[in-house]
Amino acid sequence: MPLSLVIDPDAPTAPYEQVYAQIAEQARGGTLPAGHRLPTVRALAGELGLAVNTVAKAYRALESDGVIETRGRHGTFVAAAGDAAAREAAAAARAYAQRARRLGLDRAAALTAVEEALKVAYGRDG
């Protein structure tokens, strides 16, 4: 299953953001399964008509967010999506808890803020 990306030069988002978003969406949606080998930075840049640094920037951001992983000379692969999402959510929760504590919120107030944010994000019934 080949990687399918379309870069719109007229889009308001930068090309590296388009690469990032499309790979992340395909990885999280299962179109690109965990373990799928991605093209090299140079090869993908050539296919898309982008600068090598543009694709490299997208790959670095994807790796930083746990969407992909580089295995040295073996290449770059889609990481296990559930693991990446769980790690990212745990990191965000830790950061929030630390910030809420610095702000002087007690546990109940911090939880109320999270519950309200989740209602907005997922809808009142979700």
N, C-alpha and C. Protein backbone atom coordinates (compact mmCIF):
# COMPACT_ATOMS: atom_id res chain seq x y z
N MET A 1 0.85 -1.17 0.00
CA MET A 1 0.00 0.00 0.00
C MET A 1 0.90 1.23 0.00
N PRO A 2 0.92 1.95 -1.11
CA PRO A 2 1.80 3.11 -1.22
C PRO A 2 1.27 4.31 -0.45
N LEU A 3 2.21 5.14 -0.06
CA LEU A 3 1.87 6.40 0.59
C LEU A 3 1.25 7.31 -0.45
N SER A 4 0.12 7.91 -0.11
CA SER A 4 -0.58 8.78 -1.06
C SER A 4 -0.69 10.18 -0.48
N LEU A 5 0.12 11.09 -1.02
CA LEU A 5 0.11 12.48 -0.57
C LEU A 5 -0.13 13.41 -1.74
N VAL A 6 -0.86 14.48 -1.47
CA VAL A 6 -1.09 15.51 -2.48
C VAL A 6 -0.76 16.84 -1.84
N ILE A 7 0.17 17.55 -2.43
CA ILE A 7 0.58 18.85 -1.91
C ILE A 7 -0.06 19.93 -2.78
N ASP A 8 -0.78 20.83 -2.11
CA ASP A 8 -1.44 21.94 -2.80
C ASP A 8 -0.59 23.19 -2.60
N PRO A 9 0.09 23.65 -3.66
CA PRO A 9 0.96 24.82 -3.51
C PRO A 9 0.18 26.10 -3.21
N ASP A 10 -1.12 26.10 -3.47
CA ASP A 10 -1.94 27.29 -3.21
C ASP A 10 -2.63 27.26 -1.84
N ALA A 11 -2.42 26.18 -1.11
CA ALA A 11 -3.06 26.06 0.21
C ALA A 11 -2.44 27.05 1.19
N PRO A 12 -3.21 27.48 2.17
CA PRO A 12 -2.67 28.42 3.16
C PRO A 12 -1.66 27.78 4.11
N THR A 13 -1.66 26.44 4.19
CA THR A 13 -0.70 25.76 5.06
C THR A 13 0.57 25.45 4.30
N ALA A 14 1.68 25.50 5.02
CA ALA A 14 2.99 25.24 4.42
C ALA A 14 3.08 23.79 3.94
N PRO A 15 3.89 23.54 2.91
CA PRO A 15 4.02 22.16 2.40
C PRO A 15 4.42 21.15 3.47
N TYR A 16 5.35 21.51 4.37
CA TYR A 16 5.74 20.53 5.38
C TYR A 16 4.56 20.19 6.29
N GLU A 17 3.68 21.17 6.55
CA GLU A 17 2.49 20.91 7.38
C GLU A 17 1.52 20.00 6.64
N GLN A 18 1.44 20.15 5.33
CA GLN A 18 0.58 19.27 4.54
C GLN A 18 1.11 17.84 4.58
N VAL A 19 2.42 17.68 4.44
CA VAL A 19 3.04 16.35 4.51
C VAL A 19 2.76 15.75 5.88
N TYR A 20 3.02 16.54 6.92
CA TYR A 20 2.81 16.08 8.29
C TYR A 20 1.36 15.63 8.49
N ALA A 21 0.43 16.49 8.15
CA ALA A 21 -0.99 16.22 8.39
C ALA A 21 -1.47 14.98 7.64
N GLN A 22 -1.06 14.84 6.39
CA GLN A 22 -1.54 13.70 5.60
C GLN A 22 -0.95 12.38 6.09
N ILE A 23 0.34 12.37 6.45
CA ILE A 23 0.93 11.13 6.96
C ILE A 23 0.31 10.79 8.32
N ALA A 24 0.16 11.79 9.17
CA ALA A 24 -0.43 11.54 10.50
C ALA A 24 -1.85 11.00 10.36
N GLU A 25 -2.64 11.61 9.48
CA GLU A 25 -4.03 11.17 9.29
C GLU A 25 -4.07 9.74 8.76
N GLN A 26 -3.22 9.42 7.79
CA GLN A 26 -3.22 8.07 7.24
C GLN A 26 -2.73 7.04 8.25
N ALA A 27 -1.76 7.43 9.09
CA ALA A 27 -1.25 6.51 10.11
C ALA A 27 -2.30 6.28 11.19
N ARG A 28 -2.91 7.35 11.65
CA ARG A 28 -3.91 7.21 12.72
C ARG A 28 -5.19 6.57 12.23
N GLY A 29 -5.49 6.74 10.95
CA GLY A 29 -6.70 6.16 10.38
C GLY A 29 -6.53 4.72 9.93
N GLY A 30 -5.30 4.22 9.96
CA GLY A 30 -5.06 2.83 9.57
C GLY A 30 -4.76 2.61 8.11
N THR A 31 -4.84 3.67 7.30
CA THR A 31 -4.48 3.54 5.88
C THR A 31 -3.02 3.13 5.76
N LEU A 32 -2.19 3.70 6.62
CA LEU A 32 -0.79 3.29 6.74
C LEU A 32 -0.68 2.51 8.05
N PRO A 33 -0.59 1.19 7.99
CA PRO A 33 -0.56 0.40 9.22
C PRO A 33 0.76 0.53 9.97
N ALA A 34 0.73 0.24 11.25
CA ALA A 34 1.95 0.23 12.05
C ALA A 34 2.96 -0.71 11.38
N GLY A 35 4.20 -0.24 11.30
CA GLY A 35 5.25 -1.04 10.69
C GLY A 35 5.45 -0.77 9.22
N HIS A 36 4.55 -0.01 8.60
CA HIS A 36 4.68 0.31 7.17
C HIS A 36 5.92 1.17 6.96
N ARG A 37 6.74 0.78 6.02
CA ARG A 37 7.97 1.53 5.74
C ARG A 37 7.65 2.71 4.84
N LEU A 38 8.11 3.88 5.25
CA LEU A 38 7.91 5.11 4.48
C LEU A 38 9.08 5.33 3.52
N PRO A 39 8.84 6.10 2.46
CA PRO A 39 9.94 6.42 1.56
C PRO A 39 11.02 7.23 2.29
N THR A 40 12.22 7.21 1.77
CA THR A 40 13.27 8.05 2.33
C THR A 40 12.87 9.51 2.14
N VAL A 41 13.47 10.36 2.92
CA VAL A 41 13.20 11.80 2.80
C VAL A 41 13.48 12.26 1.38
N ARG A 42 14.62 11.86 0.85
CA ARG A 42 15.02 12.28 -0.49
C ARG A 42 14.05 11.76 -1.56
N ALA A 43 13.63 10.50 -1.42
CA ALA A 43 12.72 9.91 -2.40
C ALA A 43 11.35 10.61 -2.36
N LEU A 44 10.83 10.85 -1.15
CA LEU A 44 9.52 11.50 -1.04
C LEU A 44 9.59 12.93 -1.54
N ALA A 45 10.67 13.62 -1.23
CA ALA A 45 10.83 15.00 -1.72
C ALA A 45 10.82 15.01 -3.24
N GLY A 46 11.50 14.06 -3.85
CA GLY A 46 11.52 13.96 -5.32
C GLY A 46 10.15 13.68 -5.89
N GLU A 47 9.41 12.77 -5.27
CA GLU A 47 8.06 12.42 -5.74
C GLU A 47 7.12 13.62 -5.68
N LEU A 48 7.25 14.39 -4.60
CA LEU A 48 6.32 15.50 -4.38
C LEU A 48 6.80 16.82 -4.97
N GLY A 49 8.02 16.85 -5.45
CA GLY A 49 8.57 18.09 -5.99
C GLY A 49 8.85 19.12 -4.90
N LEU A 50 9.25 18.63 -3.73
CA LEU A 50 9.55 19.50 -2.60
C LEU A 50 11.04 19.46 -2.28
N ALA A 51 11.50 20.44 -1.54
CA ALA A 51 12.87 20.44 -1.08
C ALA A 51 13.06 19.33 -0.05
N VAL A 52 14.22 18.75 -0.02
CA VAL A 52 14.54 17.69 0.94
C VAL A 52 14.32 18.18 2.37
N ASN A 53 14.72 19.41 2.66
CA ASN A 53 14.56 19.95 4.01
C ASN A 53 13.10 20.06 4.42
N THR A 54 12.20 20.28 3.46
CA THR A 54 10.77 20.38 3.75
C THR A 54 10.25 19.04 4.26
N VAL A 55 10.59 17.98 3.55
CA VAL A 55 10.14 16.64 3.95
C VAL A 55 10.83 16.23 5.25
N ALA A 56 12.11 16.56 5.39
CA ALA A 56 12.84 16.23 6.61
C ALA A 56 12.20 16.90 7.83
N LYS A 57 11.76 18.13 7.67
CA LYS A 57 11.09 18.86 8.77
C LYS A 57 9.80 18.15 9.16
N ALA A 58 9.03 17.70 8.17
CA ALA A 58 7.79 16.98 8.46
C ALA A 58 8.08 15.65 9.16
N TYR A 59 9.08 14.92 8.69
CA TYR A 59 9.45 13.64 9.31
C TYR A 59 9.91 13.86 10.75
N ARG A 60 10.70 14.91 11.01
CA ARG A 60 11.16 15.18 12.38
C ARG A 60 9.97 15.45 13.29
N ALA A 61 9.02 16.24 12.81
CA ALA A 61 7.83 16.54 13.62
C ALA A 61 7.00 15.29 13.86
N LEU A 62 6.84 14.46 12.84
CA LEU A 62 6.09 13.22 12.98
C LEU A 62 6.77 12.28 13.97
N GLU A 63 8.09 12.23 13.91
CA GLU A 63 8.82 11.37 14.84
C GLU A 63 8.72 11.91 16.26
N SER A 64 8.82 13.21 16.40
CA SER A 64 8.70 13.85 17.71
C SER A 64 7.34 13.57 18.34
N ASP A 65 6.30 13.50 17.51
CA ASP A 65 4.94 13.24 18.00
C ASP A 65 4.61 11.75 18.10
N GLY A 66 5.58 10.89 17.79
CA GLY A 66 5.37 9.46 17.94
C GLY A 66 4.58 8.80 16.84
N VAL A 67 4.39 9.49 15.73
CA VAL A 67 3.62 8.93 14.62
C VAL A 67 4.49 7.98 13.80
N ILE A 68 5.75 8.35 13.63
CA ILE A 68 6.70 7.51 12.89
C ILE A 68 7.94 7.29 13.75
N GLU A 69 8.73 6.30 13.36
CA GLU A 69 9.99 6.04 14.05
C GLU A 69 11.06 5.70 13.03
N THR A 70 12.26 6.20 13.28
CA THR A 70 13.38 5.91 12.40
C THR A 70 14.22 4.82 13.04
N ARG A 71 14.54 3.83 12.24
CA ARG A 71 15.33 2.69 12.74
C ARG A 71 16.68 2.67 12.05
N GLY A 72 17.40 3.76 12.20
CA GLY A 72 18.74 3.84 11.63
C GLY A 72 18.74 3.61 10.13
N ARG A 73 19.64 2.75 9.69
CA ARG A 73 19.77 2.46 8.25
C ARG A 73 18.61 1.64 7.69
N HIS A 74 17.81 1.10 8.57
CA HIS A 74 16.68 0.27 8.12
C HIS A 74 15.53 1.09 7.56
N GLY A 75 15.47 2.36 7.91
CA GLY A 75 14.45 3.22 7.35
C GLY A 75 13.52 3.83 8.38
N THR A 76 12.47 4.43 7.87
CA THR A 76 11.47 5.10 8.69
C THR A 76 10.15 4.36 8.55
N PHE A 77 9.52 4.11 9.68
CA PHE A 77 8.32 3.29 9.72
C PHE A 77 7.20 3.97 10.51
N VAL A 78 5.97 3.60 10.19
CA VAL A 78 4.83 4.08 10.95
C VAL A 78 4.88 3.39 12.32
N ALA A 79 4.78 4.18 13.38
CA ALA A 79 4.80 3.64 14.74
C ALA A 79 3.43 3.08 15.08
N ALA A 80 3.37 2.30 16.13
CA ALA A 80 2.09 1.76 16.59
C ALA A 80 1.21 2.93 17.02
N ALA A 81 0.11 3.14 16.32
CA ALA A 81 -0.73 4.32 16.52
C ALA A 81 -1.28 4.43 17.93
N GLY A 82 -1.77 3.33 18.46
CA GLY A 82 -2.33 3.37 19.81
C GLY A 82 -1.29 3.78 20.83
N ASP A 83 -0.09 3.24 20.69
CA ASP A 83 0.98 3.58 21.61
C ASP A 83 1.31 5.06 21.53
N ALA A 84 1.42 5.59 20.32
CA ALA A 84 1.76 7.00 20.13
C ALA A 84 0.67 7.90 20.71
N ALA A 85 -0.58 7.56 20.44
CA ALA A 85 -1.68 8.37 20.95
C ALA A 85 -1.73 8.32 22.47
N ALA A 86 -1.52 7.16 23.03
CA ALA A 86 -1.55 7.02 24.49
C ALA A 86 -0.41 7.80 25.13
N ARG A 87 0.78 7.72 24.53
CA ARG A 87 1.93 8.46 25.06
C ARG A 87 1.69 9.96 24.99
N GLU A 88 1.16 10.41 23.85
CA GLU A 88 0.89 11.84 23.67
C GLU A 88 -0.17 12.33 24.66
N ALA A 89 -1.22 11.54 24.85
CA ALA A 89 -2.27 11.92 25.79
C ALA A 89 -1.73 11.96 27.22
N ALA A 90 -0.91 10.99 27.58
CA ALA A 90 -0.34 10.96 28.93
C ALA A 90 0.57 12.17 29.16
N ALA A 91 1.35 12.53 28.16
CA ALA A 91 2.24 13.69 28.28
C ALA A 91 1.42 14.97 28.43
N ALA A 92 0.34 15.09 27.66
CA ALA A 92 -0.52 16.27 27.76
C ALA A 92 -1.20 16.33 29.14
N ALA A 93 -1.62 15.18 29.64
CA ALA A 93 -2.26 15.14 30.96
C ALA A 93 -1.28 15.54 32.05
N ARG A 94 -0.04 15.04 31.97
CA ARG A 94 0.98 15.42 32.96
C ARG A 94 1.24 16.92 32.92
N ALA A 95 1.37 17.45 31.71
CA ALA A 95 1.63 18.89 31.57
C ALA A 95 0.47 19.70 32.15
N TYR A 96 -0.76 19.27 31.89
CA TYR A 96 -1.93 19.97 32.42
C TYR A 96 -1.94 19.90 33.95
N ALA A 97 -1.69 18.73 34.51
CA ALA A 97 -1.72 18.57 35.96
C ALA A 97 -0.68 19.48 36.62
N GLN A 98 0.50 19.53 36.03
CA GLN A 98 1.55 20.40 36.58
C GLN A 98 1.15 21.86 36.49
N ARG A 99 0.58 22.26 35.39
CA ARG A 99 0.16 23.66 35.20
C ARG A 99 -0.97 24.02 36.16
N ALA A 100 -1.95 23.14 36.31
CA ALA A 100 -3.07 23.39 37.21
C ALA A 100 -2.56 23.56 38.64
N ARG A 101 -1.61 22.74 39.02
CA ARG A 101 -1.06 22.84 40.37
C ARG A 101 -0.32 24.16 40.56
N ARG A 102 0.47 24.57 39.55
CA ARG A 102 1.18 25.85 39.62
C ARG A 102 0.20 27.02 39.71
N LEU A 103 -0.96 26.87 39.09
CA LEU A 103 -1.98 27.91 39.14
C LEU A 103 -2.72 27.94 40.47
N GLY A 104 -2.47 26.94 41.30
CA GLY A 104 -3.10 26.90 42.61
C GLY A 104 -4.46 26.23 42.63
N LEU A 105 -4.83 25.53 41.56
CA LEU A 105 -6.12 24.83 41.54
C LEU A 105 -6.05 23.60 42.41
N ASP A 106 -7.13 23.32 43.14
CA ASP A 106 -7.17 22.05 43.85
C ASP A 106 -7.60 20.96 42.87
N ARG A 107 -7.54 19.72 43.31
CA ARG A 107 -7.84 18.58 42.44
C ARG A 107 -9.24 18.68 41.81
N ALA A 108 -10.23 19.05 42.62
CA ALA A 108 -11.61 19.14 42.12
C ALA A 108 -11.74 20.20 41.03
N ALA A 109 -11.12 21.35 41.22
CA ALA A 109 -11.19 22.42 40.22
C ALA A 109 -10.47 22.01 38.94
N ALA A 110 -9.35 21.32 39.07
CA ALA A 110 -8.60 20.86 37.90
C ALA A 110 -9.43 19.84 37.11
N LEU A 111 -10.08 18.92 37.82
CA LEU A 111 -10.93 17.92 37.15
C LEU A 111 -12.13 18.57 36.48
N THR A 112 -12.73 19.54 37.13
CA THR A 112 -13.88 20.25 36.54
C THR A 112 -13.47 20.92 35.23
N ALA A 113 -12.30 21.54 35.23
CA ALA A 113 -11.82 22.19 34.01
C ALA A 113 -11.63 21.18 32.88
N VAL A 114 -11.09 20.02 33.21
CA VAL A 114 -10.90 18.97 32.19
C VAL A 114 -12.25 18.47 31.68
N GLU A 115 -13.18 18.22 32.59
CA GLU A 115 -14.50 17.74 32.18
C GLU A 115 -15.20 18.73 31.26
N GLU A 116 -15.10 20.00 31.56
CA GLU A 116 -15.72 21.03 30.71
C GLU A 116 -15.05 21.06 29.33
N ALA A 117 -13.74 20.96 29.31
CA ALA A 117 -13.01 20.96 28.04
C ALA A 117 -13.39 19.74 27.20
N LEU A 118 -13.55 18.59 27.85
CA LEU A 118 -13.94 17.38 27.12
C LEU A 118 -15.36 17.48 26.58
N LYS A 119 -16.25 18.12 27.33
CA LYS A 119 -17.62 18.32 26.85
C LYS A 119 -17.62 19.17 25.58
N VAL A 120 -16.78 20.18 25.57
CA VAL A 120 -16.68 21.04 24.38
C VAL A 120 -16.08 20.25 23.21
N ALA A 121 -15.01 19.50 23.49
CA ALA A 121 -14.32 18.77 22.42
C ALA A 121 -15.14 17.63 21.84
N TYR A 122 -15.86 16.91 22.72
CA TYR A 122 -16.59 15.72 22.29
C TYR A 122 -18.08 15.94 22.18
N GLY A 123 -18.55 17.09 22.56
CA GLY A 123 -19.99 17.34 22.60
C GLY A 123 -20.51 17.02 23.97
N ARG A 124 -21.63 17.57 24.32
CA ARG A 124 -22.18 17.42 25.67
C ARG A 124 -22.48 15.99 26.04
N ASP A 125 -22.87 15.18 25.07
CA ASP A 125 -23.27 13.80 25.37
C ASP A 125 -22.13 12.80 25.23
N GLY A 126 -21.01 13.23 24.58
CA GLY A 126 -19.93 12.31 24.29
C GLY A 126 -19.03 12.14 25.41
